C-alpha atoms as a PDB file:
ATOM      1  CA  MET A   1      -0.060  -0.212  -0.051  1.00  0.00           C
ATOM      2  CA  MET A   2       1.138   3.693  -1.000  1.00  0.00           C
ATOM      3  CA  ASP A   3       2.018   6.147   1.890  1.00  0.00           C
ATOM      4  CA  TYR A   4       2.412   9.395   0.339  1.00  0.00           C
ATOM      5  CA  GLN A   5       3.794  12.699   2.442  1.00  0.00           C
ATOM      6  CA  VAL A   6       4.612  15.952   1.526  1.00  0.00           C
ATOM      7  CA  VAL A   7       8.579  16.074   1.156  1.00  0.00           C
ATOM      8  CA  THR A   8      10.003  18.836   3.981  1.00  0.00           C
ATOM      9  CA  ARG A   9      13.307  19.663   5.300  1.00  0.00           C
ATOM     10  CA  GLU A  10      12.219  18.451   8.864  1.00  0.00           C
ATOM     11  CA  ARG A  11      11.392  15.288   7.249  1.00  0.00           C
ATOM     12  CA  HIS A  12      13.773  14.391   4.442  1.00  0.00           C
ATOM     13  CA  GLY A  13      16.290  16.926   4.689  1.00  0.00           C
ATOM     14  CA  LEU A  14      19.026  14.521   5.310  1.00  0.00           C
ATOM     15  CA  LYS A  15      17.491  11.835   3.306  1.00  0.00           C
ATOM     16  CA  HIS A  16      18.247  10.343  -0.305  1.00  0.00           C
ATOM     17  CA  TRP A  17      15.716   8.986  -3.080  1.00  0.00           C
ATOM     18  CA  LEU A  18      16.451   6.497  -5.613  1.00  0.00           C
ATOM     19  CA  ASN A  19      14.840   5.813  -8.961  1.00  0.00           C
ATOM     20  CA  ALA A  20      12.289   3.217  -9.331  1.00  0.00           C
ATOM     21  CA  SER A  21      13.712  -0.368 -10.850  1.00  0.00           C
ATOM     22  CA  SER A  22      10.385  -1.992 -11.166  1.00  0.00           C
ATOM     23  CA  TYR A  23       7.228  -1.116 -12.119  1.00  0.00           C
ATOM     24  CA  THR A  24       5.051  -3.224  -9.529  1.00  0.00           C
ATOM     25  CA  PHE A  25       3.560  -0.395  -8.109  1.00  0.00           C
ATOM     26  CA  ALA A  26       1.588   0.289 -11.486  1.00  0.00           C
ATOM     27  CA  ALA A  27       0.828  -4.055 -11.705  1.00  0.00           C
ATOM     28  CA  GLY A  28      -2.864  -3.011 -11.274  1.00  0.00           C
ATOM     29  CA  ASP A  29      -3.422   0.025 -13.273  1.00  0.00           C
ATOM     30  CA  ALA A  30      -5.386  -1.383 -16.115  1.00  0.00           C
ATOM     31  CA  LEU A  31      -5.349   2.632 -17.184  1.00  0.00           C
ATOM     32  CA  CYS A  32      -3.153   5.445 -17.158  1.00  0.00           C
ATOM     33  CA  PRO A  33      -3.884   8.936 -17.599  1.00  0.00           C
ATOM     34  CA  LEU A  34      -2.070  10.816 -20.735  1.00  0.00           C
ATOM     35  CA  VAL A  35      -1.916  14.270 -22.007  1.00  0.00           C
ATOM     36  CA  ALA A  36      -1.620  15.538 -24.866  1.00  0.00           C
ATOM     37  CA  GLN A  37       2.145  15.615 -24.855  1.00  0.00           C
ATOM     38  CA  GLU A  38       2.545  12.243 -25.101  1.00  0.00           C
ATOM     39  CA  PHE A  39       0.276  10.710 -27.724  1.00  0.00           C
ATOM     40  CA  PRO A  40       2.954  11.242 -30.392  1.00  0.00           C
ATOM     41  CA  LYS A  41       5.175   8.491 -28.548  1.00  0.00           C
ATOM     42  CA  ALA A  42       2.840   7.049 -26.836  1.00  0.00           C
ATOM     43  CA  MET A  43       0.696   6.202 -30.155  1.00  0.00           C
ATOM     44  CA  LEU A  44       3.628   4.025 -31.081  1.00  0.00           C
ATOM     45  CA  ALA A  45       3.639   1.537 -28.354  1.00  0.00           C
ATOM     46  CA  LEU A  46       0.256   1.453 -26.940  1.00  0.00           C
ATOM     47  CA  PRO A  47      -3.690   1.781 -27.567  1.00  0.00           C
ATOM     48  CA  ILE A  48      -4.626   5.062 -26.542  1.00  0.00           C
ATOM     49  CA  GLY A  49      -8.626   5.411 -25.484  1.00  0.00           C
ATOM     50  CA  PHE A  50     -11.163   8.242 -23.587  1.00  0.00           C
ATOM     51  CA  MET A  51     -13.132   7.547 -20.307  1.00  0.00           C
ATOM     52  CA  ALA A  52     -15.686   9.853 -18.869  1.00  0.00           C
ATOM     53  CA  GLU A  53     -14.626  11.899 -15.536  1.00  0.00           C
ATOM     54  CA  GLY A  54     -18.173  13.187 -14.954  1.00  0.00           C
ATOM     55  CA  GLU A  55     -19.948  15.303 -17.625  1.00  0.00           C
ATOM     56  CA  TYR A  56     -16.226  15.030 -19.945  1.00  0.00           C
ATOM     57  CA  PHE A  57     -13.440  13.303 -20.966  1.00  0.00           C
ATOM     58  CA  VAL A  58      -9.593  12.313 -20.534  1.00  0.00           C
ATOM     59  CA  PRO A  59      -7.311  10.208 -22.378  1.00  0.00           C
ATOM     60  CA  VAL A  60      -6.158   7.214 -21.107  1.00  0.00           C
ATOM     61  CA  ALA A  61      -3.367   4.700 -21.910  1.00  0.00           C
ATOM     62  CA  VAL A  62      -5.111   1.286 -21.749  1.00  0.00           C
ATOM     63  CA  GLN A  63      -2.968  -1.178 -20.596  1.00  0.00           C
ATOM     64  CA  GLY A  64      -5.576  -3.932 -19.320  1.00  0.00           C
ATOM     65  CA  LEU A  65      -8.688  -5.798 -20.464  1.00  0.00           C
ATOM     66  CA  THR A  66      -9.659  -6.333 -17.061  1.00  0.00           C
ATOM     67  CA  PRO A  67      -9.649  -3.879 -13.999  1.00  0.00           C
ATOM     68  CA  GLY A  68      -6.882  -4.192 -11.547  1.00  0.00           C
ATOM     69  CA  GLN A  69      -4.505  -6.003 -14.156  1.00  0.00           C
ATOM     70  CA  ASN A  70      -1.569  -4.152 -15.805  1.00  0.00           C
ATOM     71  CA  LEU A  71      -0.650  -6.375 -18.725  1.00  0.00           C
ATOM     72  CA  LEU A  72       2.192  -3.938 -19.713  1.00  0.00           C
ATOM     73  CA  VAL A  73       3.801  -4.697 -16.449  1.00  0.00           C
ATOM     74  CA  ALA A  74       5.632  -8.225 -16.188  1.00  0.00           C
ATOM     75  CA  PRO A  75       5.622 -10.748 -13.031  1.00  0.00           C
ATOM     76  CA  ASP A  76       9.381  -9.681 -12.343  1.00  0.00           C
ATOM     77  CA  GLY A  77       8.421  -5.841 -12.573  1.00  0.00           C
ATOM     78  CA  ARG A  78       9.576  -5.240 -15.714  1.00  0.00           C
ATOM     79  CA  TRP A  79       8.069  -2.793 -18.297  1.00  0.00           C
ATOM     80  CA  LEU A  80       6.641  -4.414 -21.383  1.00  0.00           C
ATOM     81  CA  SER A  81       6.476  -1.578 -23.563  1.00  0.00           C
ATOM     82  CA  THR A  82       8.955   0.787 -25.600  1.00  0.00           C
ATOM     83  CA  TYR A  83       6.414   3.699 -23.931  1.00  0.00           C
ATOM     84  CA  ILE A  84       5.936   4.810 -20.007  1.00  0.00           C
ATOM     85  CA  PRO A  85       3.347   6.973 -19.192  1.00  0.00           C
ATOM     86  CA  ALA A  86       4.520  10.412 -17.889  1.00  0.00           C
ATOM     87  CA  PRO A  87       3.104   8.912 -13.899  1.00  0.00           C
ATOM     88  CA  TYR A  88       5.403   5.947 -14.199  1.00  0.00           C
ATOM     89  CA  ARG A  89       8.393   7.824 -14.831  1.00  0.00           C
ATOM     90  CA  SER A  90       7.599  10.500 -12.060  1.00  0.00           C
ATOM     91  CA  TYR A  91       7.430   7.679  -9.506  1.00  0.00           C
ATOM     92  CA  PRO A  92       7.836   7.894  -6.275  1.00  0.00           C
ATOM     93  CA  PHE A  93       7.022  11.213  -6.744  1.00  0.00           C
ATOM     94  CA  ARG A  94       3.077  12.881  -7.259  1.00  0.00           C
ATOM     95  CA  MET A  95       1.728  16.328  -6.419  1.00  0.00           C
ATOM     96  CA  ALA A  96      -1.422  16.954  -4.338  1.00  0.00           C
ATOM     97  CA  THR A  97      -3.290  19.773  -3.161  1.00  0.00           C
ATOM     98  CA  THR A  98      -3.718  20.893   0.270  1.00  0.00           C
ATOM     99  CA  GLU A  99      -6.756  21.999   2.128  1.00  0.00           C
ATOM    100  CA  GLN A 100      -5.731  25.352   1.247  1.00  0.00           C
ATOM    101  CA  ASP A 101      -5.980  24.371  -2.048  1.00  0.00           C
ATOM    102  CA  GLU A 102      -1.517  24.828  -2.316  1.00  0.00           C
ATOM    103  CA  GLN A 103      -0.018  22.192  -4.665  1.00  0.00           C
ATOM    104  CA  VAL A 104       2.916  20.148  -2.755  1.00  0.00           C
ATOM    105  CA  LEU A 105       5.535  17.445  -3.756  1.00  0.00           C
ATOM    106  CA  CYS A 106       4.854  14.092  -1.881  1.00  0.00           C
ATOM    107  CA  ILE A 107       6.910  10.934  -2.180  1.00  0.00           C
ATOM    108  CA  ASP A 108       5.943   7.006  -1.338  1.00  0.00           C
ATOM    109  CA  GLU A 109       7.560   6.160   1.758  1.00  0.00           C
ATOM    110  CA  ALA A 110       6.304   3.021   1.149  1.00  0.00           C
ATOM    111  CA  SER A 111       8.400   2.560  -2.339  1.00  0.00           C
ATOM    112  CA  GLY A 112      11.168   1.500  -0.639  1.00  0.00           C
ATOM    113  CA  LEU A 113      13.032   4.122  -2.735  1.00  0.00           C
ATOM    114  CA  ILE A 114      14.264   6.529   0.052  1.00  0.00           C
ATOM    115  CA  ALA A 115      17.727   5.766   2.024  1.00  0.00           C
ATOM    116  CA  ASP A 116      19.884   7.749   4.387  1.00  0.00           C
ATOM    117  CA  ASN A 117      23.189   7.917   1.801  1.00  0.00           C
ATOM    118  CA  ALA A 118      22.089   6.103  -1.449  1.00  0.00           C
ATOM    119  CA  GLY A 119      20.840   7.641  -4.011  1.00  0.00           C
ATOM    120  CA  LYS A 120      19.817  11.649  -4.906  1.00  0.00           C
ATOM    121  CA  PRO A 121      19.906  14.193  -2.021  1.00  0.00           C
ATOM    122  CA  PHE A 122      16.071  16.071  -1.032  1.00  0.00           C
ATOM    123  CA  PHE A 123      17.740  18.786  -0.057  1.00  0.00           C
ATOM    124  CA  SER A 124      21.406  20.883  -0.954  1.00  0.00           C
ATOM    125  CA  GLU A 125      23.549  21.492   2.237  1.00  0.00           C
ATOM    126  CA  ASP A 126      21.872  25.107   2.179  1.00  0.00           C
ATOM    127  CA  GLY A 127      18.404  23.583   2.749  1.00  0.00           C
ATOM    128  CA  THR A 128      17.026  24.819  -0.659  1.00  0.00           C
ATOM    129  CA  PRO A 129      15.458  21.342  -2.868  1.00  0.00           C
ATOM    130  CA  ALA A 130      18.324  19.621  -4.684  1.00  0.00           C
ATOM    131  CA  LYS A 131      18.486  20.195  -8.307  1.00  0.00           C
ATOM    132  CA  SER A 132      17.104  16.553  -8.460  1.00  0.00           C
ATOM    133  CA  VAL A 133      13.743  17.649  -6.862  1.00  0.00           C
ATOM    134  CA  LEU A 134      13.722  20.815  -8.600  1.00  0.00           C
ATOM    135  CA  GLU A 135      13.803  18.892 -12.223  1.00  0.00           C
ATOM    136  CA  ILE A 136      11.103  16.878 -10.585  1.00  0.00           C
ATOM    137  CA  LEU A 137       8.882  19.663  -9.999  1.00  0.00           C
ATOM    138  CA  ASP A 138       9.320  21.383 -13.477  1.00  0.00           C
ATOM    139  CA  PHE A 139       8.203  18.074 -14.584  1.00  0.00           C
ATOM    140  CA  PHE A 140       4.899  18.398 -13.173  1.00  0.00           C
ATOM    141  CA  GLN A 141       4.624  21.748 -13.992  1.00  0.00           C
ATOM    142  CA  GLN A 142       4.744  21.048 -17.405  1.00  0.00           C
ATOM    143  CA  MET A 143       2.665  17.837 -16.745  1.00  0.00           C
ATOM    144  CA  ASP A 144       0.020  19.935 -15.204  1.00  0.00           C
ATOM    145  CA  ALA A 145       0.197  23.009 -17.973  1.00  0.00           C
ATOM    146  CA  ASN A 146      -0.175  20.020 -20.488  1.00  0.00           C
ATOM    147  CA  ARG A 147      -2.975  18.653 -18.564  1.00  0.00           C
ATOM    148  CA  GLN A 148      -4.991  22.124 -18.969  1.00  0.00           C
ATOM    149  CA  PHE A 149      -4.748  22.072 -22.889  1.00  0.00           C
ATOM    150  CA  THR A 150      -5.530  18.281 -23.315  1.00  0.00           C
ATOM    151  CA  LEU A 151      -8.823  18.883 -21.662  1.00  0.00           C
ATOM    152  CA  GLY A 152      -9.294  21.805 -23.905  1.00  0.00           C
ATOM    153  CA  ILE A 153      -8.801  19.376 -26.750  1.00  0.00           C
ATOM    154  CA  CYS A 154     -11.212  16.674 -25.365  1.00  0.00           C
ATOM    155  CA  ALA A 155     -13.765  19.461 -25.140  1.00  0.00           C
ATOM    156  CA  VAL A 156     -13.481  20.484 -28.887  1.00  0.00           C
ATOM    157  CA  LEU A 157     -13.771  16.585 -29.569  1.00  0.00           C
ATOM    158  CA  GLN A 158     -16.855  16.279 -27.393  1.00  0.00           C
ATOM    159  CA  GLN A 159     -18.534  19.104 -28.705  1.00  0.00           C
ATOM    160  CA  HIS A 160     -18.074  18.332 -32.474  1.00  0.00           C
ATOM    161  CA  GLY A 161     -19.291  14.583 -31.457  1.00  0.00           C
ATOM    162  CA  LEU A 162     -15.764  13.140 -32.518  1.00  0.00           C
ATOM    163  CA  ILE A 163     -16.259  10.574 -29.300  1.00  0.00           C
ATOM    164  CA  GLN A 164     -17.956   7.153 -29.047  1.00  0.00           C
ATOM    165  CA  PRO A 165     -18.132   4.284 -26.970  1.00  0.00           C
ATOM    166  CA  TRP A 166     -15.367   1.577 -27.820  1.00  0.00           C
ATOM    167  CA  PRO A 167     -16.649  -2.143 -28.502  1.00  0.00           C
ATOM    168  CA  ILE A 168     -14.319  -3.913 -27.299  1.00  0.00           C
ATOM    169  CA  MET A 169     -14.734  -7.720 -26.720  1.00  0.00           C
ATOM    170  CA  VAL A 170     -12.433  -9.959 -24.824  1.00  0.00           C
ATOM    171  CA  GLN A 171     -12.455 -13.750 -24.895  1.00  0.00           C
ATOM    172  CA  GLY A 172     -11.396 -15.391 -21.434  1.00  0.00           C
ATOM    173  CA  GLU A 173     -11.991 -18.623 -19.676  1.00  0.00           C
ATOM    174  CA  GLN A 174     -16.065 -17.532 -19.504  1.00  0.00           C
ATOM    175  CA  GLY A 175     -16.271 -16.694 -23.238  1.00  0.00           C
ATOM    176  CA  GLU A 176     -16.411 -13.217 -24.772  1.00  0.00           C
ATOM    177  CA  GLN A 177     -16.657 -10.308 -22.226  1.00  0.00           C
ATOM    178  CA  LYS A 178     -17.154  -6.705 -23.498  1.00  0.00           C
ATOM    179  CA  VAL A 179     -15.055  -4.120 -21.856  1.00  0.00           C
ATOM    180  CA  GLU A 180     -16.879  -1.086 -20.760  1.00  0.00           C
ATOM    181  CA  GLY A 181     -16.021   2.553 -20.276  1.00  0.00           C
ATOM    182  CA  LEU A 182     -14.126   2.749 -22.910  1.00  0.00           C
ATOM    183  CA  PHE A 183     -14.577   5.287 -25.818  1.00  0.00           C
ATOM    184  CA  ARG A 184     -12.591   6.161 -29.309  1.00  0.00           C
ATOM    185  CA  ILE A 185     -12.487   8.798 -32.086  1.00  0.00           C
ATOM    186  CA  ASP A 186     -15.875   8.393 -34.506  1.00  0.00           C
ATOM    187  CA  GLU A 187     -13.897   8.140 -37.857  1.00  0.00           C
ATOM    188  CA  ALA A 188     -16.527   8.463 -39.946  1.00  0.00           C
ATOM    189  CA  ALA A 189     -17.929  11.638 -37.738  1.00  0.00           C
ATOM    190  CA  LEU A 190     -14.781  12.933 -38.364  1.00  0.00           C
ATOM    191  CA  ASN A 191     -14.619  12.576 -41.782  1.00  0.00           C
ATOM    192  CA  ALA A 192     -17.816  13.895 -42.227  1.00  0.00           C
ATOM    193  CA  LEU A 193     -17.143  17.095 -40.736  1.00  0.00           C
ATOM    194  CA  ALA A 194     -17.897  20.469 -42.340  1.00  0.00           C
ATOM    195  CA  ALA A 195     -14.695  22.936 -43.606  1.00  0.00           C
ATOM    196  CA  GLU A 196     -15.597  25.032 -40.737  1.00  0.00           C
ATOM    197  CA  ALA A 197     -15.367  22.495 -38.136  1.00  0.00           C
ATOM    198  CA  LEU A 198     -12.391  20.773 -38.999  1.00  0.00           C
ATOM    199  CA  LEU A 199     -10.797  23.579 -39.432  1.00  0.00           C
ATOM    200  CA  GLU A 200     -11.764  24.265 -35.620  1.00  0.00           C
ATOM    201  CA  VAL A 201     -10.908  21.246 -34.313  1.00  0.00           C
ATOM    202  CA  ARG A 202      -7.138  21.419 -36.667  1.00  0.00           C
ATOM    203  CA  ASN A 203      -6.700  25.102 -34.926  1.00  0.00           C
ATOM    204  CA  SER A 204      -7.363  23.622 -31.205  1.00  0.00           C
ATOM    205  CA  GLY A 205      -5.031  20.767 -31.816  1.00  0.00           C
ATOM    206  CA  ALA A 206      -7.642  17.807 -31.337  1.00  0.00           C
ATOM    207  CA  LEU A 207      -7.045  17.042 -34.755  1.00  0.00           C
ATOM    208  CA  THR A 208      -3.627  15.667 -34.161  1.00  0.00           C
ATOM    209  CA  ALA A 209      -4.711  14.091 -30.881  1.00  0.00           C
ATOM    210  CA  ALA A 210      -7.512  12.402 -32.868  1.00  0.00           C
ATOM    211  CA  TYR A 211      -5.525  10.638 -35.935  1.00  0.00           C
ATOM    212  CA  CYS A 212      -3.294   9.462 -32.987  1.00  0.00           C
ATOM    213  CA  GLN A 213      -6.031   7.761 -31.078  1.00  0.00           C
ATOM    214  CA  LEU A 214      -7.035   6.365 -34.403  1.00  0.00           C
ATOM    215  CA  LEU A 215      -3.722   5.245 -35.118  1.00  0.00           C
ATOM    216  CA  SER A 216      -3.262   3.847 -31.619  1.00  0.00           C
ATOM    217  CA  MET A 217      -5.601   1.425 -32.015  1.00  0.00           C
ATOM    218  CA  GLN A 218      -3.589  -1.162 -34.024  1.00  0.00           C
ATOM    219  CA  HIS A 219      -1.846  -2.119 -30.511  1.00  0.00           C
ATOM    220  CA  LEU A 220      -5.201  -3.535 -29.094  1.00  0.00           C
ATOM    221  CA  PRO A 221      -4.085  -7.037 -30.114  1.00  0.00           C
ATOM    222  CA  THR A 222      -1.155  -6.788 -28.437  1.00  0.00           C
ATOM    223  CA  LEU A 223      -2.655  -6.788 -25.109  1.00  0.00           C
ATOM    224  CA  GLY A 224      -4.446  -9.917 -26.415  1.00  0.00           C
ATOM    225  CA  THR A 225      -1.200 -11.455 -26.698  1.00  0.00           C
ATOM    226  CA  LEU A 226       0.151 -10.583 -23.453  1.00  0.00           C
ATOM    227  CA  ALA A 227      -3.200 -11.881 -21.683  1.00  0.00           C
ATOM    228  CA  GLN A 228      -2.528 -14.877 -22.771  1.00  0.00           C
ATOM    229  CA  ALA A 229       1.379 -14.573 -22.001  1.00  0.00           C
ATOM    230  CA  HIS A 230       0.233 -13.671 -18.211  1.00  0.00           C
ATOM    231  CA  ALA A 231      -2.319 -16.618 -18.260  1.00  0.00           C
ATOM    232  CA  GLU A 232       0.304 -19.253 -19.002  1.00  0.00           C
ATOM    233  CA  ALA A 233       2.781 -17.626 -16.848  1.00  0.00           C
ATOM    234  CA  GLU A 234      -0.014 -17.869 -13.969  1.00  0.00           C
ATOM    235  CA  LYS A 235      -0.536 -21.293 -14.741  1.00  0.00           C
ATOM    236  CA  ALA A 236       3.038 -22.232 -15.061  1.00  0.00           C
ATOM    237  CA  ARG A 237       3.609 -20.168 -11.209  1.00  0.00           C
ATOM    238  CA  GLN A 238       1.006 -22.599  -9.677  1.00  0.00           C
ATOM    239  CA  VAL A 239       2.128 -25.970 -11.620  1.00  0.00           C
ATOM    240  CA  GLN A 240       5.594 -24.813 -10.059  1.00  0.00           C
ATOM    241  CA  ALA A 241       4.258 -24.174  -6.863  1.00  0.00           C
ATOM    242  CA  SER A 242       2.158 -27.600  -6.637  1.00  0.00           C
ATOM    243  CA  LEU A 243       5.100 -29.350  -7.403  1.00  0.00           C
ATOM    244  CA  SER A 244       7.121 -27.796  -4.994  1.00  0.00           C
ATOM    245  CA  ARG A 245       4.678 -28.863  -2.484  1.00  0.00           C
ATOM    246  CA  SER A 246       4.559 -32.340  -3.604  1.00  0.00           C
ATOM    247  CA  ASP A 247       8.487 -32.605  -3.367  1.00  0.00           C
ATOM    248  CA  GLU A 248       8.433 -31.756   0.134  1.00  0.00           C
ATOM    249  CA  LEU A 249       8.996 -35.072   2.382  1.00  0.00           C
ATOM    250  CA  ASN A 250       6.034 -35.658   4.878  1.00  0.00           C
ATOM    251  CA  LEU A 251       8.027 -36.600   7.666  1.00  0.00           C
ATOM    252  CA  GLY A 252       5.287 -36.649  10.115  1.00  0.00           C
ATOM    253  CA  PHE A 253       5.000 -39.939  10.627  1.00  0.00           C
ATOM    254  CA  LEU A 254       8.315 -40.651  12.238  1.00  0.00           C
ATOM    255  CA  ASN A 255       6.178 -39.594  15.442  1.00  0.00           C
ATOM    256  CA  GLU A 256       3.505 -42.315  15.145  1.00  0.00           C
ATOM    257  CA  SER A 257       4.404 -44.268  18.549  1.00  0.00           C
ATOM    258  CA  GLY A 258       5.925 -47.467  17.600  1.00  0.00           C
ATOM    259  CA  THR A 259       7.328 -46.889  13.972  1.00  0.00           C
ATOM    260  CA  PHE A 260      10.802 -46.139  14.953  1.00  0.00           C
ATOM    261  CA  SER A 261      12.915 -45.800  17.999  1.00  0.00           C
ATOM    262  CA  PHE A 262      15.692 -43.447  18.166  1.00  0.00           C
ATOM    263  CA  GLY A 263      16.537 -44.504  21.833  1.00  0.00           C
ATOM    264  CA  ASN A 264      19.350 -45.803  23.315  1.00  0.00           C
ATOM    265  CA  LEU A 265      22.259 -45.430  20.545  1.00  0.00           C
ATOM    266  CA  SER A 266      24.894 -45.670  22.873  1.00  0.00           C
END
């Protein structure tokens, strides 16, 4: 379980932090929020979709076909794609909003990535934030600025009726099941836009995002292949665990009265 705490001189002044070498912390994320700045690279590696948040839509990286499973994280924690979404690249940090509506930098103290000596310091000797922490803050500021731009893009797409439900069927042990809650670009509606509307979509930056989403859907079969690989790996693990248990000698019978006697050996 994650334990995010605000980074302060009192709490972390003499501490250091390490970069994550495993992505097991993201193993339960079937979806991950994206910003428009990520689309050109993300579309080359994984499916991009939209999900509804209230009356609005936000873009997401589609990483799994069932809730609670990220198919892009291997059992040993490796990331199985050529693109890593921004929220994972900033781990173990994240931004949080205080009751005073202020943004503060937090770190997951349950991550195992805080050390006394190894890694990068949180603060310099003069008590100011270290360069690496300032770089993290700048990264979050860039993402926040682009998030606002992304929300504007999604609003334009929604305004012109270009977002529609994405029907995805998954073949599982119980037969075919429908993946609910994902949306995609309506390509037919996009192609039918009047010139004036198309110009508005293009000038807002939404046209590039729309094409990126459409092109990214080619990676959906890869998730199906990964789902099968994960299932086979889990079966192999269970078989190995079963074999390990059966290989253990049950010596309980040695305690049965009258079976063996180890007394008077001298």
